[in-house]
C-alpha cells in the first residue's frame, strides 16, 4: 500500500489508518458509524452507516449552548429562528441509515433545553404537560421536530 500511495503522490496517516473486519466490527467515518445496525422501521439487520454518538453529542452540546441562561433576552421566535437551521442542517446531512433513534434523542434534548430556557426567561413559571409534546411545540412556536422523511434523501440519476 505504501508503494501504491507513493506512486499516487498521496500521504496516509498510519496512526489513524486501521483495518477492520466487517461485519463484526464498526468504524466511524464522516460522522457516521458503519457496521451492522437494526432498522427501526423494518427490524431487519443491515450493513449501513448511522449517525455516530459523537455527532449526536456534539449537536446536543450546540443546542445546550444556544439555549443557555445568557440568551433569555431573546424572544421565543428569535430562539426558534436560531435553533431551526441547526436542526434542519443536521437532519439534512444525517438522513441515511437508521436515524430514528438519533432524531428521537435530539428531539428530546431540544424540547428539554427549550423548556429550561423558557423557565429561566419567565423565572420558574410552571410548565404544563403539553410542553413535553413535540407537535404542540411545533404548532405553538414553530420549533422543528426531526423525523425521517423520504424527501430528504439524496437524489441520484443513474
N, C-alpha and C. Protein backbone atom coordinates (compact mmCIF):
# COMPACT_ATOMS: atom_id res chain seq x y z
N UNK A 1 0.82 -1.18 0.00
CA UNK A 1 0.00 0.00 0.00
C UNK A 1 0.87 1.26 0.00
N UNK A 2 1.96 1.22 0.77
CA UNK A 2 2.85 2.38 0.82
C UNK A 2 3.39 2.72 -0.57
N UNK A 3 3.77 1.67 -1.32
CA UNK A 3 4.32 1.88 -2.66
C UNK A 3 3.26 2.48 -3.59
N UNK A 4 2.04 1.95 -3.51
CA UNK A 4 0.96 2.47 -4.35
C UNK A 4 0.65 3.93 -3.99
N UNK A 5 0.60 4.26 -2.73
CA UNK A 5 0.31 5.63 -2.30
C UNK A 5 1.45 6.58 -2.70
N UNK A 6 2.67 6.09 -2.68
CA UNK A 6 3.81 6.92 -3.10
C UNK A 6 3.72 7.23 -4.59
N UNK A 7 3.33 6.22 -5.39
CA UNK A 7 3.17 6.44 -6.84
C UNK A 7 2.03 7.42 -7.12
N UNK A 8 0.98 7.39 -6.31
CA UNK A 8 -0.14 8.32 -6.49
C UNK A 8 0.14 9.69 -5.87
N UNK A 9 1.29 9.80 -5.19
CA UNK A 9 1.70 11.03 -4.51
C UNK A 9 0.68 11.45 -3.46
N UNK A 10 0.23 10.45 -2.67
CA UNK A 10 -0.70 10.69 -1.57
C UNK A 10 -0.04 10.27 -0.27
N UNK A 11 -0.42 10.93 0.79
CA UNK A 11 0.12 10.59 2.10
C UNK A 11 -0.97 9.91 2.93
N UNK A 12 -0.61 8.87 3.63
CA UNK A 12 -1.53 8.16 4.51
C UNK A 12 -1.05 8.33 5.94
N UNK A 13 -1.93 8.76 6.80
CA UNK A 13 -1.61 8.87 8.21
C UNK A 13 -1.74 7.48 8.83
N UNK A 14 -0.62 6.85 9.09
CA UNK A 14 -0.64 5.46 9.54
C UNK A 14 -1.13 5.31 10.98
N UNK A 15 -1.08 6.38 11.76
CA UNK A 15 -1.60 6.27 13.13
C UNK A 15 -3.13 6.25 13.13
N UNK A 16 -3.76 6.86 12.13
CA UNK A 16 -5.21 6.88 12.06
C UNK A 16 -5.78 5.74 11.23
N UNK A 17 -4.97 5.11 10.40
CA UNK A 17 -5.45 4.07 9.50
C UNK A 17 -5.54 2.74 10.24
N UNK A 18 -6.69 2.09 10.11
CA UNK A 18 -6.92 0.79 10.77
C UNK A 18 -7.54 -0.18 9.78
N UNK A 19 -7.34 -1.44 10.03
CA UNK A 19 -8.00 -2.49 9.26
C UNK A 19 -9.09 -3.07 10.15
N UNK A 20 -10.32 -3.08 9.65
CA UNK A 20 -11.46 -3.59 10.41
C UNK A 20 -12.03 -4.82 9.72
N UNK A 21 -12.50 -5.76 10.51
CA UNK A 21 -13.15 -6.95 9.97
C UNK A 21 -14.66 -6.73 10.01
N UNK A 22 -15.25 -6.64 8.84
CA UNK A 22 -16.68 -6.41 8.76
C UNK A 22 -17.40 -7.72 8.53
N UNK A 23 -18.55 -7.95 9.01
CA UNK A 23 -19.45 -7.07 9.72
C UNK A 23 -19.30 -7.10 11.23
N UNK A 24 -18.30 -7.76 11.76
CA UNK A 24 -18.15 -7.90 13.21
C UNK A 24 -17.79 -6.61 13.92
N UNK A 25 -17.01 -5.76 13.30
CA UNK A 25 -16.58 -4.52 13.94
C UNK A 25 -17.25 -3.32 13.27
N UNK A 26 -17.23 -2.21 13.95
CA UNK A 26 -17.76 -0.97 13.38
C UNK A 26 -16.62 0.04 13.29
N UNK A 27 -16.83 1.06 12.48
CA UNK A 27 -15.85 2.14 12.38
C UNK A 27 -16.57 3.45 12.10
N UNK A 28 -15.98 4.54 12.53
CA UNK A 28 -16.54 5.87 12.32
C UNK A 28 -15.86 6.53 11.14
N UNK A 29 -16.68 7.16 10.28
CA UNK A 29 -16.16 7.87 9.12
C UNK A 29 -17.15 8.95 8.74
N UNK A 30 -16.69 10.18 8.64
CA UNK A 30 -17.50 11.33 8.24
C UNK A 30 -18.77 11.48 9.08
N UNK A 31 -18.66 11.22 10.38
CA UNK A 31 -19.78 11.41 11.28
C UNK A 31 -20.73 10.24 11.38
N UNK A 32 -20.51 9.22 10.59
CA UNK A 32 -21.36 8.03 10.62
C UNK A 32 -20.58 6.88 11.26
N UNK A 33 -21.30 5.97 11.92
CA UNK A 33 -20.73 4.73 12.41
C UNK A 33 -21.20 3.64 11.47
N UNK A 34 -20.26 3.02 10.75
CA UNK A 34 -20.60 1.99 9.78
C UNK A 34 -20.46 0.62 10.42
N UNK A 35 -21.40 -0.25 10.14
CA UNK A 35 -21.40 -1.60 10.67
C UNK A 35 -22.80 -2.19 10.50
N UNK A 36 -23.06 -3.26 11.28
CA UNK A 36 -24.39 -3.87 11.25
C UNK A 36 -25.30 -3.12 12.21
N UNK A 37 -26.43 -2.64 11.69
CA UNK A 37 -27.39 -1.92 12.51
C UNK A 37 -28.79 -2.45 12.20
N UNK A 38 -29.64 -2.38 13.19
CA UNK A 38 -31.02 -2.83 13.02
C UNK A 38 -31.87 -1.65 12.58
N UNK A 39 -32.67 -1.86 11.56
CA UNK A 39 -33.58 -0.83 11.07
C UNK A 39 -34.75 -0.69 12.04
N UNK A 40 -35.06 0.55 12.42
CA UNK A 40 -36.18 0.78 13.34
C UNK A 40 -37.52 0.54 12.64
N UNK A 41 -37.57 0.76 11.34
CA UNK A 41 -38.83 0.59 10.61
C UNK A 41 -39.11 -0.87 10.27
N UNK A 42 -38.11 -1.60 9.82
CA UNK A 42 -38.35 -2.98 9.38
C UNK A 42 -37.90 -4.02 10.39
N UNK A 43 -36.99 -3.67 11.30
CA UNK A 43 -36.49 -4.61 12.28
C UNK A 43 -35.40 -5.53 11.76
N UNK A 44 -35.03 -5.37 10.48
CA UNK A 44 -34.01 -6.23 9.88
C UNK A 44 -32.62 -5.65 10.13
N UNK A 45 -31.63 -6.54 10.15
CA UNK A 45 -30.25 -6.11 10.27
C UNK A 45 -29.74 -5.74 8.89
N UNK A 46 -28.95 -4.67 8.82
CA UNK A 46 -28.37 -4.27 7.55
C UNK A 46 -27.01 -3.65 7.80
N UNK A 47 -26.17 -3.71 6.78
CA UNK A 47 -24.85 -3.08 6.86
C UNK A 47 -25.00 -1.68 6.31
N UNK A 48 -24.84 -0.70 7.17
CA UNK A 48 -25.01 0.70 6.74
C UNK A 48 -24.35 1.61 7.77
N UNK A 49 -24.51 2.88 7.55
CA UNK A 49 -23.99 3.86 8.49
C UNK A 49 -25.14 4.54 9.21
N UNK A 50 -24.94 4.82 10.49
CA UNK A 50 -25.91 5.60 11.25
C UNK A 50 -25.14 6.72 11.95
N UNK A 51 -25.80 7.80 12.34
CA UNK A 51 -25.09 8.92 12.97
C UNK A 51 -24.32 8.44 14.21
N UNK A 52 -23.06 8.87 14.30
CA UNK A 52 -22.22 8.41 15.42
C UNK A 52 -22.63 9.12 16.71
N UNK A 53 -22.34 8.49 17.82
CA UNK A 53 -22.67 9.04 19.14
C UNK A 53 -21.97 10.37 19.36
N UNK A 54 -20.75 10.51 18.81
CA UNK A 54 -20.01 11.76 18.95
C UNK A 54 -20.75 12.91 18.29
N UNK A 55 -21.29 12.68 17.11
CA UNK A 55 -22.01 13.73 16.38
C UNK A 55 -23.32 14.08 17.05
N UNK A 56 -23.99 13.09 17.62
CA UNK A 56 -25.22 13.36 18.35
C UNK A 56 -24.90 14.20 19.58
N UNK A 57 -23.84 13.84 20.29
CA UNK A 57 -23.43 14.60 21.48
C UNK A 57 -23.03 16.02 21.09
N UNK A 58 -22.36 16.17 19.96
CA UNK A 58 -21.91 17.50 19.53
C UNK A 58 -23.08 18.41 19.21
N UNK A 59 -24.11 17.90 18.52
CA UNK A 59 -25.25 18.76 18.20
C UNK A 59 -26.04 19.06 19.47
N UNK A 60 -26.09 18.13 20.41
CA UNK A 60 -26.76 18.39 21.69
C UNK A 60 -26.01 19.46 22.49
N UNK A 61 -24.68 19.42 22.45
CA UNK A 61 -23.89 20.47 23.12
C UNK A 61 -24.16 21.83 22.48
N UNK A 62 -24.27 21.86 21.16
CA UNK A 62 -24.53 23.11 20.46
C UNK A 62 -25.91 23.66 20.84
N UNK A 63 -26.90 22.78 20.91
CA UNK A 63 -28.25 23.19 21.31
C UNK A 63 -28.23 23.70 22.75
N UNK A 64 -27.48 23.03 23.61
CA UNK A 64 -27.38 23.48 25.01
C UNK A 64 -26.75 24.87 25.09
N UNK A 65 -25.72 25.12 24.29
CA UNK A 65 -25.08 26.43 24.29
C UNK A 65 -26.02 27.51 23.75
N UNK A 66 -26.83 27.14 22.77
CA UNK A 66 -27.75 28.10 22.17
C UNK A 66 -28.93 28.43 23.08
N UNK A 67 -29.26 27.55 24.01
CA UNK A 67 -30.42 27.76 24.89
C UNK A 67 -29.99 28.03 26.32
N UNK A 68 -28.81 28.60 26.49
CA UNK A 68 -28.31 28.88 27.84
C UNK A 68 -29.01 30.06 28.49
N UNK A 69 -28.74 30.26 29.77
CA UNK A 69 -29.34 31.36 30.53
C UNK A 69 -28.90 32.72 30.02
N UNK A 70 -27.77 32.78 29.34
CA UNK A 70 -27.29 34.06 28.82
C UNK A 70 -28.09 34.53 27.62
N UNK A 71 -29.04 33.72 27.14
CA UNK A 71 -29.83 34.09 25.97
C UNK A 71 -31.31 34.27 26.30
N UNK A 72 -31.61 34.57 27.56
CA UNK A 72 -33.01 34.73 27.95
C UNK A 72 -33.62 36.03 27.45
N UNK A 73 -32.83 36.95 26.95
CA UNK A 73 -33.37 38.20 26.41
C UNK A 73 -34.02 38.01 25.05
N UNK A 74 -33.72 36.90 24.39
CA UNK A 74 -34.32 36.63 23.08
C UNK A 74 -35.80 36.28 23.22
N UNK A 75 -36.56 36.60 22.21
CA UNK A 75 -37.96 36.19 22.19
C UNK A 75 -38.03 34.72 21.73
N UNK A 76 -39.16 34.05 22.00
CA UNK A 76 -39.27 32.66 21.52
C UNK A 76 -39.12 32.54 20.00
N UNK A 77 -39.61 33.53 19.26
CA UNK A 77 -39.48 33.49 17.80
C UNK A 77 -38.01 33.58 17.39
N UNK A 78 -37.24 34.41 18.07
CA UNK A 78 -35.81 34.52 17.76
C UNK A 78 -35.06 33.25 18.13
N UNK A 79 -35.43 32.66 19.27
CA UNK A 79 -34.78 31.42 19.70
C UNK A 79 -35.05 30.30 18.70
N UNK A 80 -36.31 30.19 18.28
CA UNK A 80 -36.67 29.16 17.30
C UNK A 80 -35.97 29.43 15.97
N UNK A 81 -35.86 30.71 15.60
CA UNK A 81 -35.17 31.06 14.35
C UNK A 81 -33.69 30.70 14.41
N UNK A 82 -33.10 30.67 15.61
CA UNK A 82 -31.70 30.24 15.76
C UNK A 82 -31.57 28.72 15.78
N UNK A 83 -32.52 28.04 16.42
CA UNK A 83 -32.44 26.58 16.58
C UNK A 83 -32.78 25.82 15.30
N UNK A 84 -33.81 26.27 14.59
CA UNK A 84 -34.29 25.50 13.43
C UNK A 84 -33.24 25.28 12.35
N UNK A 85 -32.41 26.28 11.96
CA UNK A 85 -31.39 25.98 10.93
C UNK A 85 -30.38 24.93 11.38
N UNK A 86 -30.05 24.91 12.67
CA UNK A 86 -29.12 23.90 13.18
C UNK A 86 -29.75 22.52 13.05
N UNK A 87 -30.99 22.40 13.48
CA UNK A 87 -31.69 21.11 13.40
C UNK A 87 -31.90 20.67 11.95
N UNK A 88 -32.30 21.62 11.10
CA UNK A 88 -32.55 21.30 9.69
C UNK A 88 -31.26 20.87 8.99
N UNK A 89 -30.17 21.56 9.27
CA UNK A 89 -28.88 21.21 8.66
C UNK A 89 -28.38 19.86 9.13
N UNK A 90 -28.53 19.58 10.43
CA UNK A 90 -28.08 18.30 10.96
C UNK A 90 -28.89 17.17 10.34
N UNK A 91 -30.21 17.36 10.25
CA UNK A 91 -31.07 16.32 9.66
C UNK A 91 -30.81 16.18 8.17
N UNK A 92 -30.42 17.26 7.51
CA UNK A 92 -30.12 17.18 6.09
C UNK A 92 -28.88 16.36 5.81
N UNK A 93 -27.88 16.46 6.68
CA UNK A 93 -26.65 15.68 6.49
C UNK A 93 -26.85 14.24 6.95
N UNK A 94 -27.47 14.05 8.11
CA UNK A 94 -27.67 12.72 8.66
C UNK A 94 -29.08 12.23 8.33
N UNK A 95 -29.29 11.87 7.07
CA UNK A 95 -30.61 11.40 6.64
C UNK A 95 -30.56 9.95 6.16
N UNK A 96 -29.39 9.34 6.13
CA UNK A 96 -29.26 7.98 5.61
C UNK A 96 -29.09 6.97 6.74
N UNK A 97 -29.58 5.78 6.52
CA UNK A 97 -29.44 4.72 7.51
C UNK A 97 -30.51 4.83 8.58
N UNK A 98 -30.36 4.04 9.64
CA UNK A 98 -31.34 4.10 10.73
C UNK A 98 -31.12 5.35 11.59
N UNK A 99 -31.89 6.39 11.34
CA UNK A 99 -31.70 7.67 12.01
C UNK A 99 -32.78 7.96 13.05
N UNK A 100 -33.79 7.13 13.17
CA UNK A 100 -34.91 7.41 14.05
C UNK A 100 -34.48 7.58 15.50
N UNK A 101 -33.60 6.71 15.98
CA UNK A 101 -33.15 6.81 17.38
C UNK A 101 -32.38 8.11 17.61
N UNK A 102 -31.54 8.50 16.66
CA UNK A 102 -30.79 9.74 16.80
C UNK A 102 -31.73 10.93 16.79
N UNK A 103 -32.70 10.93 15.88
CA UNK A 103 -33.67 12.02 15.82
C UNK A 103 -34.46 12.11 17.13
N UNK A 104 -34.86 10.97 17.66
CA UNK A 104 -35.63 10.94 18.90
C UNK A 104 -34.80 11.54 20.05
N UNK A 105 -33.54 11.19 20.11
CA UNK A 105 -32.66 11.71 21.16
C UNK A 105 -32.47 13.22 21.03
N UNK A 106 -32.28 13.70 19.82
CA UNK A 106 -32.09 15.13 19.60
C UNK A 106 -33.38 15.90 19.85
N UNK A 107 -34.52 15.35 19.42
CA UNK A 107 -35.81 16.00 19.70
C UNK A 107 -36.04 16.12 21.20
N UNK A 108 -35.76 15.07 21.92
CA UNK A 108 -35.94 15.07 23.37
C UNK A 108 -35.05 16.12 24.02
N UNK A 109 -33.80 16.18 23.61
CA UNK A 109 -32.86 17.15 24.17
C UNK A 109 -33.29 18.58 23.83
N UNK A 110 -33.75 18.80 22.61
CA UNK A 110 -34.18 20.14 22.19
C UNK A 110 -35.39 20.58 22.99
N UNK A 111 -36.36 19.68 23.17
CA UNK A 111 -37.54 20.02 23.99
C UNK A 111 -37.13 20.37 25.41
N UNK A 112 -36.26 19.56 25.99
CA UNK A 112 -35.80 19.79 27.36
C UNK A 112 -35.12 21.14 27.49
N UNK A 113 -34.19 21.44 26.58
CA UNK A 113 -33.44 22.70 26.65
C UNK A 113 -34.33 23.90 26.38
N UNK A 114 -35.27 23.78 25.43
CA UNK A 114 -36.18 24.89 25.15
C UNK A 114 -37.07 25.15 26.36
N UNK A 115 -37.54 24.09 26.98
CA UNK A 115 -38.37 24.22 28.19
C UNK A 115 -37.58 24.86 29.32
N UNK A 116 -36.32 24.45 29.47
CA UNK A 116 -35.46 25.01 30.52
C UNK A 116 -35.17 26.50 30.24
N UNK A 117 -34.94 26.83 28.98
CA UNK A 117 -34.72 28.23 28.59
C UNK A 117 -35.96 29.07 28.89
N UNK A 118 -37.14 28.54 28.58
CA UNK A 118 -38.40 29.24 28.82
C UNK A 118 -38.60 29.52 30.30
N UNK A 119 -38.30 28.52 31.13
CA UNK A 119 -38.47 28.70 32.58
C UNK A 119 -37.48 29.71 33.13
N UNK A 120 -36.26 29.73 32.60
CA UNK A 120 -35.27 30.73 33.03
C UNK A 120 -35.72 32.12 32.59
N UNK A 121 -36.30 32.22 31.43
CA UNK A 121 -36.77 33.50 30.89
C UNK A 121 -37.93 34.04 31.71
N UNK A 122 -38.82 33.15 32.14
CA UNK A 122 -40.02 33.55 32.86
C UNK A 122 -39.93 33.25 34.35
N UNK A 123 -38.74 33.06 34.86
CA UNK A 123 -38.47 32.90 36.29
C UNK A 123 -39.33 31.83 36.97
N UNK A 124 -39.25 30.62 36.46
CA UNK A 124 -39.83 29.47 37.15
C UNK A 124 -41.31 29.29 36.96
N UNK A 125 -41.88 29.77 35.88
CA UNK A 125 -43.30 29.55 35.61
C UNK A 125 -43.53 28.05 35.48
N UNK A 126 -44.61 27.56 36.05
CA UNK A 126 -44.91 26.14 35.98
C UNK A 126 -45.24 25.77 34.53
N UNK A 127 -44.59 24.71 34.07
CA UNK A 127 -44.75 24.27 32.69
C UNK A 127 -45.81 23.19 32.64
N UNK A 128 -46.79 23.36 31.76
CA UNK A 128 -47.87 22.39 31.66
C UNK A 128 -47.39 21.14 30.91
N UNK A 129 -48.14 20.04 31.02
CA UNK A 129 -47.72 18.79 30.37
C UNK A 129 -47.60 18.88 28.85
N UNK A 130 -48.27 19.85 28.22
CA UNK A 130 -48.17 19.92 26.75
C UNK A 130 -46.77 20.32 26.29
N UNK A 131 -45.91 20.82 27.20
CA UNK A 131 -44.54 21.17 26.83
C UNK A 131 -43.71 19.94 26.50
N UNK A 132 -44.17 18.78 26.92
CA UNK A 132 -43.43 17.55 26.66
C UNK A 132 -43.82 16.94 25.32
N UNK A 133 -44.71 17.57 24.60
CA UNK A 133 -45.29 17.03 23.37
C UNK A 133 -44.75 17.81 22.19
N UNK A 134 -43.99 17.17 21.33
CA UNK A 134 -43.34 17.84 20.20
C UNK A 134 -44.30 18.52 19.22
N UNK A 135 -45.39 17.87 18.78
CA UNK A 135 -46.27 18.55 17.82
C UNK A 135 -46.84 19.86 18.38
N UNK A 136 -47.11 19.91 19.68
CA UNK A 136 -47.62 21.15 20.27
C UNK A 136 -46.56 22.24 20.19
N UNK A 137 -45.32 21.92 20.50
CA UNK A 137 -44.24 22.91 20.41
C UNK A 137 -44.04 23.34 18.96
N UNK A 138 -44.23 22.42 18.04
CA UNK A 138 -44.09 22.73 16.63
C UNK A 138 -45.18 23.70 16.18
N UNK A 139 -46.41 23.46 16.62
CA UNK A 139 -47.51 24.35 16.25
C UNK A 139 -47.43 25.69 16.97
N UNK A 140 -47.14 25.67 18.26
CA UNK A 140 -47.17 26.90 19.08
C UNK A 140 -46.02 27.83 18.74
N UNK A 141 -44.79 27.29 18.63
CA UNK A 141 -43.61 28.13 18.45
C UNK A 141 -42.95 27.96 17.09
N UNK A 142 -43.26 26.90 16.38
CA UNK A 142 -42.60 26.62 15.10
C UNK A 142 -41.29 25.88 15.27
N UNK A 143 -41.07 25.29 16.46
CA UNK A 143 -39.84 24.54 16.73
C UNK A 143 -39.83 23.26 15.90
N UNK A 144 -38.79 23.06 15.13
CA UNK A 144 -38.69 21.93 14.21
C UNK A 144 -38.57 20.62 14.98
N UNK A 145 -39.31 19.63 14.54
CA UNK A 145 -39.21 18.28 15.09
C UNK A 145 -38.59 17.39 14.02
N UNK A 146 -37.48 16.75 14.34
CA UNK A 146 -36.81 15.89 13.37
C UNK A 146 -37.60 14.60 13.21
N UNK A 147 -37.85 14.23 11.98
CA UNK A 147 -38.49 12.95 11.68
C UNK A 147 -37.99 12.49 10.33
N UNK A 148 -37.97 11.18 10.15
CA UNK A 148 -37.48 10.62 8.89
C UNK A 148 -38.44 11.02 7.79
N UNK A 149 -37.88 11.47 6.68
CA UNK A 149 -38.69 11.89 5.56
C UNK A 149 -37.96 11.51 4.27
N UNK A 150 -38.64 10.84 3.37
CA UNK A 150 -38.00 10.40 2.12
C UNK A 150 -37.60 11.58 1.24
N UNK A 151 -38.20 12.73 1.45
CA UNK A 151 -37.85 13.92 0.64
C UNK A 151 -36.41 14.33 0.87
N UNK A 152 -35.89 14.11 2.09
CA UNK A 152 -34.51 14.50 2.41
C UNK A 152 -33.47 13.60 1.78
N UNK A 153 -33.86 12.44 1.29
CA UNK A 153 -32.89 11.50 0.73
C UNK A 153 -32.24 12.11 -0.51
N UNK A 154 -30.93 11.85 -0.70
CA UNK A 154 -30.27 12.37 -1.89
C UNK A 154 -30.83 11.73 -3.16
N UNK A 155 -30.96 12.54 -4.20
CA UNK A 155 -31.49 12.04 -5.46
C UNK A 155 -30.34 11.92 -6.45
N UNK A 156 -30.08 10.71 -6.89
CA UNK A 156 -29.00 10.47 -7.85
C UNK A 156 -29.62 9.90 -9.12
N UNK A 157 -29.13 10.35 -10.25
CA UNK A 157 -29.62 9.83 -11.51
C UNK A 157 -28.65 8.76 -12.02
N UNK A 158 -29.17 7.63 -12.35
CA UNK A 158 -28.34 6.52 -12.81
C UNK A 158 -28.01 6.66 -14.28
